[in-house]
């Protein structure tokens, strides 16, 4: 198989605390003191960060199987936007391309 590895997902930072709630969840950075509320899908994206999935493509595949009424392209767009917000708020850190 000649699968392309896809875009590697960032990993949660050590100081990130996540609490699942019925309406989604909350994230808190103990380092930056950023408090971040997320909806149900945002909470699921957080739960699918490494080690649960390694690439954006893997995450989109999982989410596509759970949210069948939404197209994969829309899910990918939402995942990338949400991950951008997590990066901007210091809740995740990028993974080096050669990391395994």
PDB file of N, CA and C in Angstrom:
ATOM      1  N   UNK A   1       0.833  -1.185   0.000  1.00  0.00           N
ATOM      2  CA  UNK A   1       0.000   0.000   0.000  1.00  0.00           C
ATOM      3  C   UNK A   1       0.871   1.239   0.000  1.00  0.00           C
ATOM      4  N   UNK A   2       0.482   2.214  -0.768  1.00  0.00           N
ATOM      5  CA  UNK A   2       1.244   3.451  -0.849  1.00  0.00           C
ATOM      6  C   UNK A   2       0.450   4.589  -0.216  1.00  0.00           C
ATOM      7  N   UNK A   3       0.046   4.405   1.018  1.00  0.00           N
ATOM      8  CA  UNK A   3      -0.697   5.438   1.718  1.00  0.00           C
ATOM      9  C   UNK A   3       0.219   6.610   2.019  1.00  0.00           C
ATOM     10  N   UNK A   4      -0.288   7.818   1.778  1.00  0.00           N
ATOM     11  CA  UNK A   4       0.469   8.982   2.189  1.00  0.00           C
ATOM     12  C   UNK A   4       0.194   9.193   3.670  1.00  0.00           C
ATOM     13  N   UNK A   5       1.208   9.587   4.420  1.00  0.00           N
ATOM     14  CA  UNK A   5       1.029   9.708   5.856  1.00  0.00           C
ATOM     15  C   UNK A   5       0.021  10.775   6.265  1.00  0.00           C
ATOM     16  N   UNK A   6      -0.194  11.795   5.421  1.00  0.00           N
ATOM     17  CA  UNK A   6      -1.127  12.852   5.780  1.00  0.00           C
ATOM     18  C   UNK A   6      -0.496  13.820   6.766  1.00  0.00           C
ATOM     19  N   UNK A   7      -1.225  14.839   7.053  1.00  0.00           N
ATOM     20  CA  UNK A   7      -0.763  15.892   7.947  1.00  0.00           C
ATOM     21  C   UNK A   7      -0.822  15.387   9.386  1.00  0.00           C
ATOM     22  N   UNK A   8       0.329  15.397  10.073  1.00  0.00           N
ATOM     23  CA  UNK A   8       0.382  14.920  11.452  1.00  0.00           C
ATOM     24  C   UNK A   8      -0.371  15.867  12.377  1.00  0.00           C
ATOM     25  N   UNK A   9      -1.091  15.285  13.306  1.00  0.00           N
ATOM     26  CA  UNK A   9      -1.836  16.068  14.277  1.00  0.00           C
ATOM     27  C   UNK A   9      -0.918  16.538  15.400  1.00  0.00           C
ATOM     28  N   UNK A  10      -1.195  17.713  15.951  1.00  0.00           N
ATOM     29  CA  UNK A  10      -0.428  18.157  17.115  1.00  0.00           C
ATOM     30  C   UNK A  10      -0.835  17.346  18.342  1.00  0.00           C
ATOM     31  N   UNK A  11       0.006  17.368  19.343  1.00  0.00           N
ATOM     32  CA  UNK A  11      -0.278  16.656  20.599  1.00  0.00           C
ATOM     33  C   UNK A  11      -0.693  17.657  21.678  1.00  0.00           C
ATOM     34  N   UNK A  12      -1.572  17.229  22.589  1.00  0.00           N
ATOM     35  CA  UNK A  12      -1.928  18.114  23.707  1.00  0.00           C
ATOM     36  C   UNK A  12      -0.681  18.451  24.522  1.00  0.00           C
ATOM     37  N   UNK A  13      -0.593  19.684  24.983  1.00  0.00           N
ATOM     38  CA  UNK A  13       0.528  20.069  25.837  1.00  0.00           C
ATOM     39  C   UNK A  13       0.335  19.444  27.219  1.00  0.00           C
ATOM     40  N   UNK A  14       1.435  19.285  27.933  1.00  0.00           N
ATOM     41  CA  UNK A  14       1.388  18.643  29.254  1.00  0.00           C
ATOM     42  C   UNK A  14       0.480  19.392  30.228  1.00  0.00           C
ATOM     43  N   UNK A  15       0.400  20.705  30.090  1.00  0.00           N
ATOM     44  CA  UNK A  15      -0.403  21.502  31.021  1.00  0.00           C
ATOM     45  C   UNK A  15      -1.854  21.661  30.626  1.00  0.00           C
ATOM     46  N   UNK A  16      -2.316  20.919  29.613  1.00  0.00           N
ATOM     47  CA  UNK A  16      -3.715  21.025  29.183  1.00  0.00           C
ATOM     48  C   UNK A  16      -4.577  20.044  29.972  1.00  0.00           C
ATOM     49  N   UNK A  17      -5.662  20.560  30.510  1.00  0.00           N
ATOM     50  CA  UNK A  17      -6.602  19.747  31.275  1.00  0.00           C
ATOM     51  C   UNK A  17      -7.937  19.770  30.527  1.00  0.00           C
ATOM     52  N   UNK A  18      -8.522  18.579  30.309  1.00  0.00           N
ATOM     53  CA  UNK A  18      -9.794  18.473  29.603  1.00  0.00           C
ATOM     54  C   UNK A  18     -10.830  17.828  30.503  1.00  0.00           C
ATOM     55  N   UNK A  19     -12.019  18.402  30.519  1.00  0.00           N
ATOM     56  CA  UNK A  19     -13.138  17.830  31.278  1.00  0.00           C
ATOM     57  C   UNK A  19     -14.320  17.691  30.331  1.00  0.00           C
ATOM     58  N   UNK A  20     -14.784  16.460  30.156  1.00  0.00           N
ATOM     59  CA  UNK A  20     -15.939  16.181  29.287  1.00  0.00           C
ATOM     60  C   UNK A  20     -17.210  16.587  30.027  1.00  0.00           C
ATOM     61  N   UNK A  21     -18.118  17.266  29.332  1.00  0.00           N
ATOM     62  CA  UNK A  21     -19.408  17.671  29.864  1.00  0.00           C
ATOM     63  C   UNK A  21     -20.492  17.216  28.896  1.00  0.00           C
ATOM     64  N   UNK A  22     -21.749  17.122  29.345  1.00  0.00           N
ATOM     65  CA  UNK A  22     -22.819  16.680  28.436  1.00  0.00           C
ATOM     66  C   UNK A  22     -22.934  17.549  27.178  1.00  0.00           C
ATOM     67  N   UNK A  23     -22.674  18.841  27.307  1.00  0.00           N
ATOM     68  CA  UNK A  23     -22.789  19.752  26.163  1.00  0.00           C
ATOM     69  C   UNK A  23     -21.480  19.939  25.410  1.00  0.00           C
ATOM     70  N   UNK A  24     -20.464  19.171  25.730  1.00  0.00           N
ATOM     71  CA  UNK A  24     -19.159  19.277  25.067  1.00  0.00           C
ATOM     72  C   UNK A  24     -18.043  19.068  26.060  1.00  0.00           C
ATOM     73  N   UNK A  25     -17.345  20.151  26.384  1.00  0.00           N
ATOM     74  CA  UNK A  25     -16.262  20.031  27.344  1.00  0.00           C
ATOM     75  C   UNK A  25     -15.576  21.358  27.559  1.00  0.00           C
ATOM     76  N   UNK A  26     -14.636  21.355  28.481  1.00  0.00           N
ATOM     77  CA  UNK A  26     -13.827  22.540  28.736  1.00  0.00           C
ATOM     78  C   UNK A  26     -12.361  22.133  28.748  1.00  0.00           C
ATOM     79  N   UNK A  27     -11.551  23.014  28.225  1.00  0.00           N
ATOM     80  CA  UNK A  27     -10.099  22.845  28.216  1.00  0.00           C
ATOM     81  C   UNK A  27      -9.503  23.982  29.025  1.00  0.00           C
ATOM     82  N   UNK A  28      -8.454  23.666  29.740  1.00  0.00           N
ATOM     83  CA  UNK A  28      -7.768  24.680  30.526  1.00  0.00           C
ATOM     84  C   UNK A  28      -6.278  24.450  30.406  1.00  0.00           C
ATOM     85  N   UNK A  29      -5.541  25.511  30.155  1.00  0.00           N
ATOM     86  CA  UNK A  29      -4.081  25.430  30.130  1.00  0.00           C
ATOM     87  C   UNK A  29      -3.554  25.933  31.456  1.00  0.00           C
ATOM     88  N   UNK A  30      -2.876  25.047  32.172  1.00  0.00           N
ATOM     89  CA  UNK A  30      -2.302  25.450  33.457  1.00  0.00           C
ATOM     90  C   UNK A  30      -1.113  26.387  33.267  1.00  0.00           C
ATOM     91  N   UNK A  31      -0.546  26.402  32.062  1.00  0.00           N
ATOM     92  CA  UNK A  31       0.611  27.268  31.790  1.00  0.00           C
ATOM     93  C   UNK A  31       0.180  28.688  31.428  1.00  0.00           C
ATOM     94  N   UNK A  32      -0.794  28.808  30.513  1.00  0.00           N
ATOM     95  CA  UNK A  32      -1.215  30.128  30.042  1.00  0.00           C
ATOM     96  C   UNK A  32      -2.495  30.605  30.714  1.00  0.00           C
ATOM     97  N   UNK A  33      -3.133  29.736  31.490  1.00  0.00           N
ATOM     98  CA  UNK A  33      -4.399  30.013  32.156  1.00  0.00           C
ATOM     99  C   UNK A  33      -5.513  30.333  31.160  1.00  0.00           C
ATOM    100  N   UNK A  34      -5.433  29.753  29.966  1.00  0.00           N
ATOM    101  CA  UNK A  34      -6.482  29.901  28.963  1.00  0.00           C
ATOM    102  C   UNK A  34      -7.578  28.893  29.276  1.00  0.00           C
ATOM    103  N   UNK A  35      -8.807  29.375  29.311  1.00  0.00           N
ATOM    104  CA  UNK A  35      -9.983  28.544  29.527  1.00  0.00           C
ATOM    105  C   UNK A  35     -10.737  28.517  28.203  1.00  0.00           C
ATOM    106  N   UNK A  36     -11.060  27.340  27.724  1.00  0.00           N
ATOM    107  CA  UNK A  36     -11.584  27.183  26.370  1.00  0.00           C
ATOM    108  C   UNK A  36     -12.771  26.227  26.413  1.00  0.00           C
ATOM    109  N   UNK A  37     -13.979  26.735  26.154  1.00  0.00           N
ATOM    110  CA  UNK A  37     -15.158  25.884  26.096  1.00  0.00           C
ATOM    111  C   UNK A  37     -15.321  25.307  24.699  1.00  0.00           C
ATOM    112  N   UNK A  38     -15.686  24.024  24.606  1.00  0.00           N
ATOM    113  CA  UNK A  38     -15.870  23.383  23.308  1.00  0.00           C
ATOM    114  C   UNK A  38     -17.219  22.674  23.267  1.00  0.00           C
ATOM    115  N   UNK A  39     -17.776  22.566  22.062  1.00  0.00           N
ATOM    116  CA  UNK A  39     -19.023  21.840  21.856  1.00  0.00           C
ATOM    117  C   UNK A  39     -18.761  20.346  21.781  1.00  0.00           C
ATOM    118  N   UNK A  40     -19.801  19.603  21.469  1.00  0.00           N
ATOM    119  CA  UNK A  40     -19.707  18.146  21.407  1.00  0.00           C
ATOM    120  C   UNK A  40     -18.670  17.697  20.378  1.00  0.00           C
ATOM    121  N   UNK A  41     -18.671  18.317  19.206  1.00  0.00           N
ATOM    122  CA  UNK A  41     -17.724  17.916  18.159  1.00  0.00           C
ATOM    123  C   UNK A  41     -16.308  18.334  18.542  1.00  0.00           C
ATOM    124  N   UNK A  42     -16.149  19.522  19.105  1.00  0.00           N
ATOM    125  CA  UNK A  42     -14.829  19.954  19.570  1.00  0.00           C
ATOM    126  C   UNK A  42     -14.270  19.016  20.624  1.00  0.00           C
ATOM    127  N   UNK A  43     -15.128  18.557  21.528  1.00  0.00           N
ATOM    128  CA  UNK A  43     -14.693  17.600  22.553  1.00  0.00           C
ATOM    129  C   UNK A  43     -14.251  16.293  21.903  1.00  0.00           C
ATOM    130  N   UNK A  44     -14.982  15.856  20.883  1.00  0.00           N
ATOM    131  CA  UNK A  44     -14.623  14.612  20.194  1.00  0.00           C
ATOM    132  C   UNK A  44     -13.297  14.772  19.451  1.00  0.00           C
ATOM    133  N   UNK A  45     -13.079  15.930  18.830  1.00  0.00           N
ATOM    134  CA  UNK A  45     -11.798  16.196  18.161  1.00  0.00           C
ATOM    135  C   UNK A  45     -10.675  16.124  19.184  1.00  0.00           C
ATOM    136  N   UNK A  46     -10.861  16.744  20.348  1.00  0.00           N
ATOM    137  CA  UNK A  46      -9.831  16.707  21.397  1.00  0.00           C
ATOM    138  C   UNK A  46      -9.520  15.267  21.779  1.00  0.00           C
ATOM    139  N   UNK A  47     -10.559  14.461  21.964  1.00  0.00           N
ATOM    140  CA  UNK A  47     -10.371  13.067  22.365  1.00  0.00           C
ATOM    141  C   UNK A  47      -9.649  12.247  21.293  1.00  0.00           C
ATOM    142  N   UNK A  48      -9.738  12.687  20.040  1.00  0.00           N
ATOM    143  CA  UNK A  48      -9.104  11.960  18.939  1.00  0.00           C
ATOM    144  C   UNK A  48      -7.685  12.431  18.629  1.00  0.00           C
ATOM    145  N   UNK A  49      -7.193  13.422  19.371  1.00  0.00           N
ATOM    146  CA  UNK A  49      -5.799  13.834  19.180  1.00  0.00           C
ATOM    147  C   UNK A  49      -4.890  12.670  19.562  1.00  0.00           C
ATOM    148  N   UNK A  50      -3.633  12.693  19.092  1.00  0.00           N
ATOM    149  CA  UNK A  50      -2.711  11.600  19.425  1.00  0.00           C
ATOM    150  C   UNK A  50      -2.695  11.321  20.924  1.00  0.00           C
ATOM    151  N   UNK A  51      -2.651  10.055  21.276  1.00  0.00           N
ATOM    152  CA  UNK A  51      -2.334   8.894  20.448  1.00  0.00           C
ATOM    153  C   UNK A  51      -3.540   8.220  19.780  1.00  0.00           C
ATOM    154  N   UNK A  52      -4.773   8.723  19.988  1.00  0.00           N
ATOM    155  CA  UNK A  52      -5.959   8.079  19.410  1.00  0.00           C
ATOM    156  C   UNK A  52      -5.895   8.024  17.885  1.00  0.00           C
ATOM    157  N   UNK A  53      -5.510   9.124  17.255  1.00  0.00           N
ATOM    158  CA  UNK A  53      -5.248   9.166  15.812  1.00  0.00           C
ATOM    159  C   UNK A  53      -3.958   9.946  15.624  1.00  0.00           C
ATOM    160  N   UNK A  54      -3.291   9.706  14.483  1.00  0.00           N
ATOM    161  CA  UNK A  54      -1.997  10.374  14.246  1.00  0.00           C
ATOM    162  C   UNK A  54      -2.073  11.482  13.207  1.00  0.00           C
ATOM    163  N   UNK A  55      -2.979  11.356  12.239  1.00  0.00           N
ATOM    164  CA  UNK A  55      -3.039  12.331  11.149  1.00  0.00           C
ATOM    165  C   UNK A  55      -4.438  12.934  11.031  1.00  0.00           C
ATOM    166  N   UNK A  56      -4.500  14.065  10.336  1.00  0.00           N
ATOM    167  CA  UNK A  56      -5.789  14.703  10.061  1.00  0.00           C
ATOM    168  C   UNK A  56      -6.683  13.723   9.300  1.00  0.00           C
ATOM    169  N   UNK A  57      -6.105  13.007   8.326  1.00  0.00           N
ATOM    170  CA  UNK A  57      -6.905  12.052   7.542  1.00  0.00           C
ATOM    171  C   UNK A  57      -7.517  10.968   8.420  1.00  0.00           C
ATOM    172  N   UNK A  58      -6.740  10.432   9.359  1.00  0.00           N
ATOM    173  CA  UNK A  58      -7.271   9.409  10.275  1.00  0.00           C
ATOM    174  C   UNK A  58      -8.420   9.978  11.105  1.00  0.00           C
ATOM    175  N   UNK A  59      -8.224  11.192  11.620  1.00  0.00           N
ATOM    176  CA  UNK A  59      -9.262  11.815  12.433  1.00  0.00           C
ATOM    177  C   UNK A  59     -10.521  12.057  11.616  1.00  0.00           C
ATOM    178  N   UNK A  60     -10.356  12.556  10.396  1.00  0.00           N
ATOM    179  CA  UNK A  60     -11.506  12.819   9.533  1.00  0.00           C
ATOM    180  C   UNK A  60     -12.249  11.517   9.231  1.00  0.00           C
ATOM    181  N   UNK A  61     -11.525  10.422   9.011  1.00  0.00           N
ATOM    182  CA  UNK A  61     -12.162   9.123   8.770  1.00  0.00           C
ATOM    183  C   UNK A  61     -13.026   8.706   9.958  1.00  0.00           C
ATOM    184  N   UNK A  62     -12.495   8.848  11.160  1.00  0.00           N
ATOM    185  CA  UNK A  62     -13.246   8.475  12.363  1.00  0.00           C
ATOM    186  C   UNK A  62     -14.481   9.359  12.508  1.00  0.00           C
ATOM    187  N   UNK A  63     -14.296  10.663  12.368  1.00  0.00           N
ATOM    188  CA  UNK A  63     -15.420  11.586  12.517  1.00  0.00           C
ATOM    189  C   UNK A  63     -16.465  11.377  11.420  1.00  0.00           C
ATOM    190  N   UNK A  64     -16.016  11.065  10.207  1.00  0.00           N
ATOM    191  CA  UNK A  64     -16.950  10.811   9.099  1.00  0.00           C
ATOM    192  C   UNK A  64     -17.824   9.603   9.392  1.00  0.00           C
ATOM    193  N   UNK A  65     -17.264   8.601  10.069  1.00  0.00           N
ATOM    194  CA  UNK A  65     -18.051   7.415  10.400  1.00  0.00           C
ATOM    195  C   UNK A  65     -19.048   7.711  11.525  1.00  0.00           C
ATOM    196  N   UNK A  66     -18.769   8.729  12.329  1.00  0.00           N
ATOM    197  CA  UNK A  66     -19.656   9.083  13.442  1.00  0.00           C
ATOM    198  C   UNK A  66     -20.685  10.142  13.058  1.00  0.00           C
ATOM    199  N   UNK A  67     -20.327  11.003  12.120  1.00  0.00           N
ATOM    200  CA  UNK A  67     -21.217  12.088  11.672  1.00  0.00           C
ATOM    201  C   UNK A  67     -21.480  11.914  10.181  1.00  0.00           C
ATOM    202  N   UNK A  68     -22.260  10.904   9.844  1.00  0.00           N
ATOM    203  CA  UNK A  68     -22.486  10.522   8.448  1.00  0.00           C
ATOM    204  C   UNK A  68     -23.250  11.565   7.628  1.00  0.00           C
ATOM    205  N   UNK A  69     -23.925  12.481   8.291  1.00  0.00           N
ATOM    206  CA  UNK A  69     -24.699  13.497   7.574  1.00  0.00           C
ATOM    207  C   UNK A  69     -23.854  14.704   7.154  1.00  0.00           C
ATOM    208  N   UNK A  70     -22.564  14.685   7.509  1.00  0.00           N
ATOM    209  CA  UNK A  70     -21.658  15.783   7.157  1.00  0.00           C
ATOM    210  C   UNK A  70     -20.578  15.235   6.231  1.00  0.00           C
ATOM    211  N   UNK A  71     -20.296  15.949   5.158  1.00  0.00           N
ATOM    212  CA  UNK A  71     -19.285  15.509   4.202  1.00  0.00           C
ATOM    213  C   UNK A  71     -17.876  15.566   4.780  1.00  0.00           C
ATOM    214  N   UNK A  72     -17.007  14.696   4.266  1.00  0.00           N
ATOM    215  CA  UNK A  72     -15.622  14.623   4.736  1.00  0.00           C
ATOM    216  C   UNK A  72     -14.886  15.951   4.541  1.00  0.00           C
ATOM    217  N   UNK A  73     -15.169  16.658   3.448  1.00  0.00           N
ATOM    218  CA  UNK A  73     -14.489  17.933   3.187  1.00  0.00           C
ATOM    219  C   UNK A  73     -14.845  18.964   4.263  1.00  0.00           C
ATOM    220  N   UNK A  74     -16.110  19.006   4.667  1.00  0.00           N
ATOM    221  CA  UNK A  74     -16.555  19.938   5.717  1.00  0.00           C
ATOM    222  C   UNK A  74     -15.935  19.546   7.056  1.00  0.00           C
ATOM    223  N   UNK A  75     -15.896  18.239   7.346  1.00  0.00           N
ATOM    224  CA  UNK A  75     -15.284  17.776   8.590  1.00  0.00           C
ATOM    225  C   UNK A  75     -13.812  18.156   8.627  1.00  0.00           C
ATOM    226  N   UNK A  76     -13.104  17.947   7.512  1.00  0.00           N
ATOM    227  CA  UNK A  76     -11.681  18.292   7.471  1.00  0.00           C
ATOM    228  C   UNK A  76     -11.483  19.786   7.697  1.00  0.00           C
ATOM    229  N   UNK A  77     -12.311  20.593   7.074  1.00  0.00           N
ATOM    230  CA  UNK A  77     -12.224  22.047   7.245  1.00  0.00           C
ATOM    231  C   UNK A  77     -12.436  22.425   8.717  1.00  0.00           C
ATOM    232  N   UNK A  78     -13.442  21.821   9.355  1.00  0.00           N
ATOM    233  CA  UNK A  78     -13.732  22.115  10.757  1.00  0.00           C
ATOM    234  C   UNK A  78     -12.602  21.638  11.670  1.00  0.00           C
ATOM    235  N   UNK A  79     -12.049  20.449  11.391  1.00  0.00           N
ATOM    236  CA  UNK A  79     -10.939  19.913  12.189  1.00  0.00           C
ATOM    237  C   UNK A  79      -9.742  20.855  12.105  1.00  0.00           C
ATOM    238  N   UNK A  80      -9.385  21.268  10.896  1.00  0.00           N
ATOM    239  CA  UNK A  80      -8.217  22.139  10.729  1.00  0.00           C
ATOM    240  C   UNK A  80      -8.420  23.502  11.380  1.00  0.00           C
ATOM    241  N   UNK A  81      -9.641  24.020  11.305  1.00  0.00           N
ATOM    242  CA  UNK A  81      -9.940  25.308  11.953  1.00  0.00           C
ATOM    243  C   UNK A  81      -9.828  25.175  13.470  1.00  0.00           C
ATOM    244  N   UNK A  82     -10.416  24.116  14.008  1.00  0.00           N
ATOM    245  CA  UNK A  82     -10.391  23.898  15.459  1.00  0.00           C
ATOM    246  C   UNK A  82      -8.964  23.678  15.955  1.00  0.00           C
ATOM    247  N   UNK A  83      -8.193  22.888  15.232  1.00  0.00           N
ATOM    248  CA  UNK A  83      -6.806  22.649  15.629  1.00  0.00           C
ATOM    249  C   UNK A  83      -6.010  23.955  15.583  1.00  0.00           C
ATOM    250  N   UNK A  84      -6.298  24.797  14.611  1.00  0.00           N
ATOM    251  CA  UNK A  84      -5.662  26.117  14.556  1.00  0.00           C
ATOM    252  C   UNK A  84      -5.955  26.933  15.804  1.00  0.00           C
ATOM    253  N   UNK A  85      -7.202  26.860  16.295  1.00  0.00           N
ATOM    254  CA  UNK A  85      -7.570  27.569  17.518  1.00  0.00           C
ATOM    255  C   UNK A  85      -6.830  26.982  18.726  1.00  0.00           C
ATOM    256  N   UNK A  86      -6.723  25.650  18.767  1.00  0.00           N
ATOM    257  CA  UNK A  86      -5.990  25.016  19.869  1.00  0.00           C
ATOM    258  C   UNK A  86      -4.521  25.434  19.858  1.00  0.00           C
ATOM    259  N   UNK A  87      -3.912  25.464  18.666  1.00  0.00           N
ATOM    260  CA  UNK A  87      -2.518  25.898  18.539  1.00  0.00           C
ATOM    261  C   UNK A  87      -2.360  27.347  18.989  1.00  0.00           C
ATOM    262  N   UNK A  88      -3.262  28.215  18.534  1.00  0.00           N
ATOM    263  CA  UNK A  88      -3.189  29.636  18.863  1.00  0.00           C
ATOM    264  C   UNK A  88      -3.330  29.878  20.365  1.00  0.00           C
ATOM    265  N   UNK A  89      -4.046  28.994  21.046  1.00  0.00           N
ATOM    266  CA  UNK A  89      -4.260  29.141  22.482  1.00  0.00           C
ATOM    267  C   UNK A  89      -3.283  28.329  23.329  1.00  0.00           C
ATOM    268  N   UNK A  90      -2.284  27.719  22.675  1.00  0.00           N
ATOM    269  CA  UNK A  90      -1.246  27.006  23.402  1.00  0.00           C
ATOM    270  C   UNK A  90      -1.699  25.717  24.070  1.00  0.00           C
ATOM    271  N   UNK A  91      -2.778  25.103  23.552  1.00  0.00           N
ATOM    272  CA  UNK A  91      -3.296  23.872  24.154  1.00  0.00           C
ATOM    273  C   UNK A  91      -2.721  22.620  23.508  1.00  0.00           C
ATOM    274  N   UNK A  92      -2.150  22.774  22.321  1.00  0.00           N
ATOM    275  CA  UNK A  92      -1.492  21.670  21.617  1.00  0.00           C
ATOM    276  C   UNK A  92      -0.170  22.162  21.071  1.00  0.00           C
ATOM    277  N   UNK A  93       0.702  21.211  20.758  1.00  0.00           N
ATOM    278  CA  UNK A  93       2.003  21.548  20.195  1.00  0.00           C
ATOM    279  C   UNK A  93       2.224  20.709  18.938  1.00  0.00           C
ATOM    280  N   UNK A  94       2.776  21.300  17.873  1.00  0.00           N
ATOM    281  CA  UNK A  94       3.013  20.547  16.644  1.00  0.00           C
ATOM    282  C   UNK A  94       3.989  19.389  16.877  1.00  0.00           C
ATOM    283  N   UNK A  95       3.838  18.367  16.074  1.00  0.00           N
ATOM    284  CA  UNK A  95       4.714  17.199  16.132  1.00  0.00           C
ATOM    285  C   UNK A  95       5.698  17.295  14.979  1.00  0.00           C
ATOM    286  N   UNK A  96       6.960  17.000  15.236  1.00  0.00           N
ATOM    287  CA  UNK A  96       7.960  16.993  14.162  1.00  0.00           C
ATOM    288  C   UNK A  96       7.600  15.916  13.144  1.00  0.00           C
ATOM    289  N   UNK A  97       7.760  16.191  11.845  1.00  0.00           N
ATOM    290  CA  UNK A  97       7.388  15.236  10.807  1.00  0.00           C
ATOM    291  C   UNK A  97       8.050  13.857  10.949  1.00  0.00           C
ATOM    292  N   UNK A  98       9.239  13.795  11.522  1.00  0.00           N
ATOM    293  CA  UNK A  98       9.931  12.517  11.646  1.00  0.00           C
ATOM    294  C   UNK A  98       9.635  11.805  12.962  1.00  0.00           C
ATOM    295  N   UNK A  99       8.734  12.384  13.791  1.00  0.00           N
ATOM    296  CA  UNK A  99       8.380  11.740  15.058  1.00  0.00           C
ATOM    297  C   UNK A  99       7.495  10.533  14.790  1.00  0.00           C
ATOM    298  N   UNK A 100       7.634   9.502  15.615  1.00  0.00           N
ATOM    299  CA  UNK A 100       6.784   8.338  15.396  1.00  0.00           C
ATOM    300  C   UNK A 100       5.855   8.101  16.549  1.00  0.00           C
TER     301      UNK A 100
END
